[in-house]
Amino acid sequence: MRNKKNNLWLWATKNPLVVLLCAAIFALGFAYISQYFFDYQPCILCYHQRKPFFAIIPICLFGLFVLKSKNSQKYLTAFCALLLL
């Protein structure tokens, strides 16, 4: 079991698109949980800050499942990282 867990961790850290995808899902999940379960109402800026995270999710999925070239995945990772700024 331990070896399988380490392999998954190594795969995720070798592919930064996976890390960006997980970060975007976590950020949106945290925002929606705090909004709907804890009744924390976001401001207008918070709504605008969610848009790049919504854009990153399909871009990362496209890069993971369609693009097979490591070079093109690097460019896509840089683009997604710029969206987060």
Protein backbone atom coordinates (compact mmCIF):
# COMPACT_ATOMS: atom_id res chain seq x y z
CA MET A 1 0.00 0.00 0.00
CA ARG A 2 2.80 2.37 0.87
CA ASN A 3 4.53 1.90 -2.47
CA LYS A 4 1.32 2.66 -4.37
CA LYS A 5 0.80 5.83 -2.33
CA ASN A 6 4.36 6.98 -3.04
CA ASN A 7 3.93 6.32 -6.75
CA LEU A 8 0.80 8.46 -6.86
CA TRP A 9 2.59 11.27 -5.01
CA LEU A 10 5.57 11.11 -7.39
CA TRP A 11 3.28 11.17 -10.42
CA ALA A 12 1.41 14.21 -9.09
CA THR A 13 4.57 16.14 -8.31
CA LYS A 14 6.16 15.35 -11.67
CA ASN A 15 3.16 16.74 -13.50
CA PRO A 16 2.39 20.29 -12.35
CA LEU A 17 -0.93 20.30 -14.21
CA VAL A 18 -2.22 17.85 -11.60
CA VAL A 19 -1.11 20.18 -8.82
CA LEU A 20 -2.78 23.17 -10.49
CA LEU A 21 -5.96 21.18 -11.07
CA CYS A 22 -6.10 20.10 -7.43
CA ALA A 23 -5.41 23.64 -6.24
CA ALA A 24 -8.22 25.06 -8.37
CA ILE A 25 -10.70 22.42 -7.23
CA PHE A 26 -9.69 22.92 -3.60
CA ALA A 27 -9.99 26.72 -3.82
CA LEU A 28 -13.43 26.60 -5.43
CA GLY A 29 -14.59 23.89 -3.06
CA PHE A 30 -13.47 25.90 -0.04
CA ALA A 31 -15.20 29.01 -1.39
CA TYR A 32 -18.49 27.25 -2.01
CA ILE A 33 -18.43 25.37 1.30
CA SER A 34 -17.83 28.59 3.20
CA GLN A 35 -20.56 30.33 1.21
CA TYR A 36 -23.33 27.74 1.36
CA PHE A 37 -22.62 25.73 4.51
CA PHE A 38 -21.28 28.43 6.80
CA ASP A 39 -23.42 31.26 5.36
CA TYR A 40 -20.41 33.46 4.61
CA GLN A 41 -21.48 35.84 1.85
CA PRO A 42 -18.67 36.74 -0.58
CA CYS A 43 -18.07 40.20 -1.96
CA ILE A 44 -18.08 41.13 -5.65
CA LEU A 45 -14.30 40.74 -5.85
CA CYS A 46 -14.59 37.19 -4.53
CA TYR A 47 -16.97 36.33 -7.35
CA HIS A 48 -14.52 37.76 -9.90
CA GLN A 49 -11.62 35.84 -8.36
CA ARG A 50 -13.40 32.55 -9.00
CA LYS A 51 -13.36 33.00 -12.78
CA PRO A 52 -9.68 32.08 -13.30
CA PHE A 53 -10.16 28.94 -11.22
CA PHE A 54 -13.12 27.94 -13.39
CA ALA A 55 -10.93 28.49 -16.45
CA ILE A 56 -8.02 26.47 -15.08
CA ILE A 57 -10.01 23.28 -14.50
CA PRO A 58 -10.91 22.51 -18.15
CA ILE A 59 -7.52 23.76 -19.37
CA CYS A 60 -5.71 21.37 -17.03
CA LEU A 61 -7.99 18.49 -17.96
CA PHE A 62 -7.32 19.21 -21.64
CA GLY A 63 -3.59 19.24 -20.99
CA LEU A 64 -3.65 16.01 -19.02
CA PHE A 65 -5.80 13.91 -21.32
CA VAL A 66 -5.28 15.37 -24.81
CA LEU A 67 -1.77 16.82 -24.97
CA LYS A 68 0.88 14.13 -24.80
CA SER A 69 3.93 16.30 -25.45
CA LYS A 70 5.80 17.37 -22.33
CA ASN A 71 6.81 20.61 -24.03
CA SER A 72 3.23 21.63 -24.73
CA GLN A 73 2.24 20.68 -21.18
CA LYS A 74 4.96 22.99 -19.86
CA TYR A 75 3.54 25.92 -21.83
CA LEU A 76 0.05 25.11 -20.65
CA THR A 77 1.28 24.94 -17.04
CA ALA A 78 2.89 28.36 -17.38
CA PHE A 79 -0.34 29.77 -18.82
CA CYS A 80 -2.40 28.35 -15.95
CA ALA A 81 0.07 29.69 -13.42
CA LEU A 82 -0.25 33.14 -14.96
CA LEU A 83 -4.02 32.89 -14.66
CA LEU A 84 -3.61 32.38 -10.92
CA LEU A 85 -1.72 35.66 -10.55
